[in-house]
Amino acid sequence: MDYITKARARFAAKLATKNEAGCVLWLGSITTEGYGQFYFGGRLIKSHRAAWILTNGEIPGGLCVLHMCDVRPCVNL
């Protein structure tokens, strides 16, 4: 199993089922600011950014990864 496939499995294991508002909440480690965090690529990154990378590939320079709901632990892009 390659690194990305393993990371996707680790990531998926830390997700709640989508709630009525459409949020998929992060159940793993949370920063003091309330954002999820995920160890990926040798470093700790915010879980919503990891969700983007695991779904779409690298984040293009200058792109801000945001979620429309403004719920910090949400990883539903």
PDB file of N, CA and C in Angstrom:
ATOM      1  N   MET A   1       0.857  -1.188   0.000  1.00  0.00           N
ATOM      2  CA  MET A   1       0.000   0.000   0.000  1.00  0.00           C
ATOM      3  C   MET A   1       0.897   1.243   0.000  1.00  0.00           C
ATOM      4  N   ASP A   2       0.628   2.186  -0.881  1.00  0.00           N
ATOM      5  CA  ASP A   2       1.473   3.378  -0.974  1.00  0.00           C
ATOM      6  C   ASP A   2       1.152   4.385   0.128  1.00  0.00           C
ATOM      7  N   TYR A   3       2.004   5.388   0.247  1.00  0.00           N
ATOM      8  CA  TYR A   3       1.900   6.384   1.312  1.00  0.00           C
ATOM      9  C   TYR A   3       0.556   7.130   1.296  1.00  0.00           C
ATOM     10  N   ILE A   4       0.096   7.553   0.141  1.00  0.00           N
ATOM     11  CA  ILE A   4      -1.158   8.313   0.036  1.00  0.00           C
ATOM     12  C   ILE A   4      -2.344   7.440   0.433  1.00  0.00           C
ATOM     13  N   THR A   5      -2.359   6.196   0.002  1.00  0.00           N
ATOM     14  CA  THR A   5      -3.447   5.282   0.364  1.00  0.00           C
ATOM     15  C   THR A   5      -3.486   5.078   1.871  1.00  0.00           C
ATOM     16  N   LYS A   6      -2.322   4.919   2.494  1.00  0.00           N
ATOM     17  CA  LYS A   6      -2.253   4.775   3.957  1.00  0.00           C
ATOM     18  C   LYS A   6      -2.733   6.046   4.650  1.00  0.00           C
ATOM     19  N   ALA A   7      -2.326   7.204   4.133  1.00  0.00           N
ATOM     20  CA  ALA A   7      -2.739   8.477   4.726  1.00  0.00           C
ATOM     21  C   ALA A   7      -4.249   8.655   4.611  1.00  0.00           C
ATOM     22  N   ARG A   8      -4.824   8.282   3.473  1.00  0.00           N
ATOM     23  CA  ARG A   8      -6.281   8.380   3.302  1.00  0.00           C
ATOM     24  C   ARG A   8      -7.008   7.512   4.323  1.00  0.00           C
ATOM     25  N   ALA A   9      -6.502   6.311   4.562  1.00  0.00           N
ATOM     26  CA  ALA A   9      -7.122   5.412   5.541  1.00  0.00           C
ATOM     27  C   ALA A   9      -7.004   5.987   6.954  1.00  0.00           C
ATOM     28  N   ARG A  10      -5.832   6.512   7.308  1.00  0.00           N
ATOM     29  CA  ARG A  10      -5.660   7.126   8.637  1.00  0.00           C
ATOM     30  C   ARG A  10      -6.585   8.326   8.794  1.00  0.00           C
ATOM     31  N   PHE A  11      -6.706   9.128   7.734  1.00  0.00           N
ATOM     32  CA  PHE A  11      -7.550  10.315   7.759  1.00  0.00           C
ATOM     33  C   PHE A  11      -9.018   9.916   7.933  1.00  0.00           C
ATOM     34  N   ALA A  12      -9.475   8.965   7.140  1.00  0.00           N
ATOM     35  CA  ALA A  12     -10.878   8.534   7.179  1.00  0.00           C
ATOM     36  C   ALA A  12     -11.267   7.988   8.551  1.00  0.00           C
ATOM     37  N   ALA A  13     -10.323   7.396   9.251  1.00  0.00           N
ATOM     38  CA  ALA A  13     -10.604   6.830  10.572  1.00  0.00           C
ATOM     39  C   ALA A  13     -10.884   7.904  11.617  1.00  0.00           C
ATOM     40  N   LYS A  14     -10.607   9.154  11.293  1.00  0.00           N
ATOM     41  CA  LYS A  14     -10.789  10.251  12.239  1.00  0.00           C
ATOM     42  C   LYS A  14     -11.951  11.174  11.872  1.00  0.00           C
ATOM     43  N   LEU A  15     -12.888  10.675  11.060  1.00  0.00           N
ATOM     44  CA  LEU A  15     -14.006  11.499  10.605  1.00  0.00           C
ATOM     45  C   LEU A  15     -15.327  11.035  11.198  1.00  0.00           C
ATOM     46  N   ALA A  16     -16.169  12.000  11.531  1.00  0.00           N
ATOM     47  CA  ALA A  16     -17.540  11.704  11.946  1.00  0.00           C
ATOM     48  C   ALA A  16     -18.406  11.647  10.689  1.00  0.00           C
ATOM     49  N   THR A  17     -19.547  11.046  10.801  1.00  0.00           N
ATOM     50  CA  THR A  17     -20.519  11.024   9.712  1.00  0.00           C
ATOM     51  C   THR A  17     -21.016  12.445   9.471  1.00  0.00           C
ATOM     52  N   LYS A  18     -21.315  12.770   8.232  1.00  0.00           N
ATOM     53  CA  LYS A  18     -21.814  14.103   7.885  1.00  0.00           C
ATOM     54  C   LYS A  18     -23.044  14.418   8.724  1.00  0.00           C
ATOM     55  N   ASN A  19     -23.061  15.610   9.341  1.00  0.00           N
ATOM     56  CA  ASN A  19     -24.208  15.999  10.178  1.00  0.00           C
ATOM     57  C   ASN A  19     -25.277  16.697   9.344  1.00  0.00           C
ATOM     58  N   GLU A  20     -26.359  17.094   9.981  1.00  0.00           N
ATOM     59  CA  GLU A  20     -27.494  17.705   9.271  1.00  0.00           C
ATOM     60  C   GLU A  20     -27.132  19.013   8.569  1.00  0.00           C
ATOM     61  N   ALA A  21     -26.092  19.676   9.043  1.00  0.00           N
ATOM     62  CA  ALA A  21     -25.652  20.922   8.410  1.00  0.00           C
ATOM     63  C   ALA A  21     -24.693  20.670   7.246  1.00  0.00           C
ATOM     64  N   GLY A  22     -24.325  19.404   7.034  1.00  0.00           N
ATOM     65  CA  GLY A  22     -23.413  19.072   5.947  1.00  0.00           C
ATOM     66  C   GLY A  22     -21.951  19.024   6.353  1.00  0.00           C
ATOM     67  N   CYS A  23     -21.669  19.228   7.639  1.00  0.00           N
ATOM     68  CA  CYS A  23     -20.288  19.199   8.118  1.00  0.00           C
ATOM     69  C   CYS A  23     -19.822  17.764   8.342  1.00  0.00           C
ATOM     70  N   VAL A  24     -18.571  17.517   7.995  1.00  0.00           N
ATOM     71  CA  VAL A  24     -17.896  16.269   8.339  1.00  0.00           C
ATOM     72  C   VAL A  24     -16.846  16.679   9.373  1.00  0.00           C
ATOM     73  N   LEU A  25     -17.110  16.363  10.617  1.00  0.00           N
ATOM     74  CA  LEU A  25     -16.260  16.850  11.697  1.00  0.00           C
ATOM     75  C   LEU A  25     -15.054  15.957  11.942  1.00  0.00           C
ATOM     76  N   TRP A  26     -13.942  16.603  12.214  1.00  0.00           N
ATOM     77  CA  TRP A  26     -12.682  15.956  12.518  1.00  0.00           C
ATOM     78  C   TRP A  26     -12.713  15.489  13.963  1.00  0.00           C
ATOM     79  N   LEU A  27     -12.423  14.207  14.186  1.00  0.00           N
ATOM     80  CA  LEU A  27     -12.446  13.626  15.526  1.00  0.00           C
ATOM     81  C   LEU A  27     -11.045  13.410  16.090  1.00  0.00           C
ATOM     82  N   GLY A  28     -10.036  13.766  15.322  1.00  0.00           N
ATOM     83  CA  GLY A  28      -8.651  13.605  15.759  1.00  0.00           C
ATOM     84  C   GLY A  28      -8.186  14.794  16.575  1.00  0.00           C
ATOM     85  N   SER A  29      -6.907  14.989  16.597  1.00  0.00           N
ATOM     86  CA  SER A  29      -6.276  16.062  17.361  1.00  0.00           C
ATOM     87  C   SER A  29      -6.762  17.434  16.873  1.00  0.00           C
ATOM     88  N   ILE A  30      -6.937  18.347  17.819  1.00  0.00           N
ATOM     89  CA  ILE A  30      -7.441  19.703  17.535  1.00  0.00           C
ATOM     90  C   ILE A  30      -6.429  20.729  18.057  1.00  0.00           C
ATOM     91  N   THR A  31      -6.199  21.793  17.293  1.00  0.00           N
ATOM     92  CA  THR A  31      -5.312  22.870  17.740  1.00  0.00           C
ATOM     93  C   THR A  31      -6.002  23.693  18.819  1.00  0.00           C
ATOM     94  N   THR A  32      -5.262  24.553  19.466  1.00  0.00           N
ATOM     95  CA  THR A  32      -5.856  25.431  20.483  1.00  0.00           C
ATOM     96  C   THR A  32      -6.849  26.408  19.861  1.00  0.00           C
ATOM     97  N   GLU A  33      -6.744  26.633  18.541  1.00  0.00           N
ATOM     98  CA  GLU A  33      -7.681  27.510  17.836  1.00  0.00           C
ATOM     99  C   GLU A  33      -8.937  26.765  17.375  1.00  0.00           C
ATOM    100  N   GLY A  34      -8.979  25.435  17.563  1.00  0.00           N
ATOM    101  CA  GLY A  34     -10.163  24.656  17.217  1.00  0.00           C
ATOM    102  C   GLY A  34     -10.120  23.960  15.866  1.00  0.00           C
ATOM    103  N   TYR A  35      -8.997  24.069  15.141  1.00  0.00           N
ATOM    104  CA  TYR A  35      -8.854  23.389  13.854  1.00  0.00           C
ATOM    105  C   TYR A  35      -8.330  21.973  14.062  1.00  0.00           C
ATOM    106  N   GLY A  36      -8.775  21.039  13.227  1.00  0.00           N
ATOM    107  CA  GLY A  36      -8.205  19.706  13.264  1.00  0.00           C
ATOM    108  C   GLY A  36      -6.780  19.743  12.753  1.00  0.00           C
ATOM    109  N   GLN A  37      -5.980  18.775  13.186  1.00  0.00           N
ATOM    110  CA  GLN A  37      -4.615  18.679  12.686  1.00  0.00           C
ATOM    111  C   GLN A  37      -4.289  17.223  12.387  1.00  0.00           C
ATOM    112  N   PHE A  38      -3.461  17.025  11.370  1.00  0.00           N
ATOM    113  CA  PHE A  38      -3.171  15.696  10.854  1.00  0.00           C
ATOM    114  C   PHE A  38      -1.700  15.628  10.480  1.00  0.00           C
ATOM    115  N   TYR A  39      -1.031  14.557  10.880  1.00  0.00           N
ATOM    116  CA  TYR A  39       0.371  14.357  10.533  1.00  0.00           C
ATOM    117  C   TYR A  39       0.444  13.805   9.114  1.00  0.00           C
ATOM    118  N   PHE A  40       1.038  14.583   8.219  1.00  0.00           N
ATOM    119  CA  PHE A  40       1.067  14.220   6.803  1.00  0.00           C
ATOM    120  C   PHE A  40       2.342  14.749   6.162  1.00  0.00           C
ATOM    121  N   GLY A  41       2.992  13.910   5.406  1.00  0.00           N
ATOM    122  CA  GLY A  41       4.197  14.349   4.705  1.00  0.00           C
ATOM    123  C   GLY A  41       5.311  14.775   5.630  1.00  0.00           C
ATOM    124  N   GLY A  42       5.393  14.163   6.807  1.00  0.00           N
ATOM    125  CA  GLY A  42       6.455  14.478   7.749  1.00  0.00           C
ATOM    126  C   GLY A  42       6.218  15.708   8.601  1.00  0.00           C
ATOM    127  N   ARG A  43       4.999  16.255   8.536  1.00  0.00           N
ATOM    128  CA  ARG A  43       4.710  17.436   9.370  1.00  0.00           C
ATOM    129  C   ARG A  43       3.236  17.469   9.747  1.00  0.00           C
ATOM    130  N   LEU A  44       2.924  18.279  10.729  1.00  0.00           N
ATOM    131  CA  LEU A  44       1.555  18.444  11.195  1.00  0.00           C
ATOM    132  C   LEU A  44       0.900  19.576  10.409  1.00  0.00           C
ATOM    133  N   ILE A  45      -0.216  19.284   9.742  1.00  0.00           N
ATOM    134  CA  ILE A  45      -0.936  20.316   8.987  1.00  0.00           C
ATOM    135  C   ILE A  45      -2.396  20.324   9.436  1.00  0.00           C
ATOM    136  N   LYS A  46      -3.102  21.382   9.130  1.00  0.00           N
ATOM    137  CA  LYS A  46      -4.520  21.456   9.473  1.00  0.00           C
ATOM    138  C   LYS A  46      -5.289  20.416   8.663  1.00  0.00           C
ATOM    139  N   SER A  47      -6.269  19.812   9.309  1.00  0.00           N
ATOM    140  CA  SER A  47      -6.979  18.688   8.686  1.00  0.00           C
ATOM    141  C   SER A  47      -7.757  19.089   7.436  1.00  0.00           C
ATOM    142  N   HIS A  48      -8.272  20.316   7.372  1.00  0.00           N
ATOM    143  CA  HIS A  48      -8.995  20.703   6.153  1.00  0.00           C
ATOM    144  C   HIS A  48      -8.031  20.837   4.971  1.00  0.00           C
ATOM    145  N   ARG A  49      -6.782  21.208   5.234  1.00  0.00           N
ATOM    146  CA  ARG A  49      -5.780  21.257   4.174  1.00  0.00           C
ATOM    147  C   ARG A  49      -5.390  19.845   3.753  1.00  0.00           C
ATOM    148  N   ALA A  50      -5.288  18.930   4.727  1.00  0.00           N
ATOM    149  CA  ALA A  50      -5.002  17.530   4.412  1.00  0.00           C
ATOM    150  C   ALA A  50      -6.134  16.947   3.569  1.00  0.00           C
ATOM    151  N   ALA A  51      -7.380  17.295   3.886  1.00  0.00           N
ATOM    152  CA  ALA A  51      -8.525  16.816   3.107  1.00  0.00           C
ATOM    153  C   ALA A  51      -8.387  17.256   1.652  1.00  0.00           C
ATOM    154  N   TRP A  52      -7.998  18.499   1.446  1.00  0.00           N
ATOM    155  CA  TRP A  52      -7.807  18.997   0.077  1.00  0.00           C
ATOM    156  C   TRP A  52      -6.721  18.193  -0.642  1.00  0.00           C
ATOM    157  N   ILE A  53      -5.570  18.041   0.006  1.00  0.00           N
ATOM    158  CA  ILE A  53      -4.439  17.353  -0.615  1.00  0.00           C
ATOM    159  C   ILE A  53      -4.802  15.906  -0.943  1.00  0.00           C
ATOM    160  N   LEU A  54      -5.463  15.227  -0.026  1.00  0.00           N
ATOM    161  CA  LEU A  54      -5.814  13.824  -0.247  1.00  0.00           C
ATOM    162  C   LEU A  54      -6.889  13.658  -1.319  1.00  0.00           C
ATOM    163  N   THR A  55      -7.667  14.708  -1.556  1.00  0.00           N
ATOM    164  CA  THR A  55      -8.719  14.666  -2.567  1.00  0.00           C
ATOM    165  C   THR A  55      -8.245  15.194  -3.921  1.00  0.00           C
ATOM    166  N   ASN A  56      -7.491  16.296  -3.908  1.00  0.00           N
ATOM    167  CA  ASN A  56      -7.153  17.020  -5.140  1.00  0.00           C
ATOM    168  C   ASN A  56      -5.684  17.079  -5.500  1.00  0.00           C
ATOM    169  N   GLY A  57      -4.818  16.676  -4.608  1.00  0.00           N
ATOM    170  CA  GLY A  57      -3.379  16.826  -4.842  1.00  0.00           C
ATOM    171  C   GLY A  57      -2.868  18.083  -4.151  1.00  0.00           C
ATOM    172  N   GLU A  58      -1.634  18.440  -4.457  1.00  0.00           N
ATOM    173  CA  GLU A  58      -1.004  19.593  -3.807  1.00  0.00           C
ATOM    174  C   GLU A  58      -1.851  20.863  -3.940  1.00  0.00           C
ATOM    175  N   ILE A  59      -1.762  21.713  -2.930  1.00  0.00           N
ATOM    176  CA  ILE A  59      -2.487  22.984  -2.933  1.00  0.00           C
ATOM    177  C   ILE A  59      -1.690  23.970  -3.789  1.00  0.00           C
ATOM    178  N   PRO A  60      -2.307  24.518  -4.830  1.00  0.00           N
ATOM    179  CA  PRO A  60      -1.591  25.488  -5.673  1.00  0.00           C
ATOM    180  C   PRO A  60      -1.168  26.718  -4.879  1.00  0.00           C
ATOM    181  N   GLY A  61      -0.015  27.256  -5.208  1.00  0.00           N
ATOM    182  CA  GLY A  61       0.480  28.462  -4.552  1.00  0.00           C
ATOM    183  C   GLY A  61      -0.544  29.589  -4.634  1.00  0.00           C
ATOM    184  N   GLY A  62      -0.761  30.263  -3.529  1.00  0.00           N
ATOM    185  CA  GLY A  62      -1.702  31.378  -3.486  1.00  0.00           C
ATOM    186  C   GLY A  62      -3.139  30.976  -3.200  1.00  0.00           C
ATOM    187  N   LEU A  63      -3.447  29.674  -3.214  1.00  0.00           N
ATOM    188  CA  LEU A  63      -4.811  29.225  -2.938  1.00  0.00           C
ATOM    189  C   LEU A  63      -5.010  29.081  -1.437  1.00  0.00           C
ATOM    190  N   CYS A  64      -6.095  29.631  -0.931  1.00  0.00           N
ATOM    191  CA  CYS A  64      -6.475  29.463   0.470  1.00  0.00           C
ATOM    192  C   CYS A  64      -7.543  28.378   0.531  1.00  0.00           C
ATOM    193  N   VAL A  65      -7.306  27.356   1.340  1.00  0.00           N
ATOM    194  CA  VAL A  65      -8.272  26.279   1.497  1.00  0.00           C
ATOM    195  C   VAL A  65      -9.198  26.657   2.647  1.00  0.00           C
ATOM    196  N   LEU A  66     -10.437  26.929   2.306  1.00  0.00           N
ATOM    197  CA  LEU A  66     -11.438  27.359   3.289  1.00  0.00           C
ATOM    198  C   LEU A  66     -12.665  26.474   3.164  1.00  0.00           C
ATOM    199  N   HIS A  67     -13.455  26.431   4.226  1.00  0.00           N
ATOM    200  CA  HIS A  67     -14.734  25.750   4.115  1.00  0.00           C
ATOM    201  C   HIS A  67     -15.830  26.776   4.326  1.00  0.00           C
ATOM    202  N   MET A  68     -16.903  26.620   3.599  1.00  0.00           N
ATOM    203  CA  MET A  68     -17.961  27.631   3.588  1.00  0.00           C
ATOM    204  C   MET A  68     -18.725  27.716   4.898  1.00  0.00           C
ATOM    205  N   CYS A  69     -18.691  26.674   5.697  1.00  0.00           N
ATOM    206  CA  CYS A  69     -19.494  26.656   6.920  1.00  0.00           C
ATOM    207  C   CYS A  69     -18.836  27.412   8.073  1.00  0.00           C
ATOM    208  N   ASP A  70     -17.552  27.673   8.002  1.00  0.00           N
ATOM    209  CA  ASP A  70     -16.789  28.325   9.071  1.00  0.00           C
ATOM    210  C   ASP A  70     -16.787  27.542  10.382  1.00  0.00           C
ATOM    211  N   VAL A  71     -17.021  26.234  10.308  1.00  0.00           N
ATOM    212  CA  VAL A  71     -16.893  25.364  11.473  1.00  0.00           C
ATOM    213  C   VAL A  71     -15.469  24.817  11.442  1.00  0.00           C
ATOM    214  N   ARG A  72     -14.653  25.237  12.377  1.00  0.00           N
ATOM    215  CA  ARG A  72     -13.219  24.952  12.309  1.00  0.00           C
ATOM    216  C   ARG A  72     -12.848  23.477  12.223  1.00  0.00           C
ATOM    217  N   PRO A  73     -13.495  22.568  12.928  1.00  0.00           N
ATOM    218  CA  PRO A  73     -13.100  21.160  12.787  1.00  0.00           C
ATOM    219  C   PRO A  73     -13.729  20.452  11.579  1.00  0.00           C
ATOM    220  N   CYS A  74     -14.463  21.166  10.739  1.00  0.00           N
ATOM    221  CA  CYS A  74     -15.084  20.559   9.558  1.00  0.00           C
ATOM    222  C   CYS A  74     -14.045  20.345   8.462  1.00  0.00           C
ATOM    223  N   VAL A  75     -14.101  19.161   7.834  1.00  0.00           N
ATOM    224  CA  VAL A  75     -13.182  18.856   6.733  1.00  0.00           C
ATOM    225  C   VAL A  75     -13.944  18.622   5.435  1.00  0.00           C
ATOM    226  N   ASN A  76     -15.230  18.966   5.396  1.00  0.00           N
ATOM    227  CA  ASN A  76     -16.015  18.828   4.179  1.00  0.00           C
ATOM    228  C   ASN A  76     -15.749  20.030   3.299  1.00  0.00           C
ATOM    229  N   LEU A  77     -15.053  19.796   2.205  1.00  0.00           N
ATOM    230  CA  LEU A  77     -14.710  20.873   1.302  1.00  0.00           C
ATOM    231  C   LEU A  77     -15.815  21.048   0.295  1.00  0.00           C
TER     232      LEU A  77
END
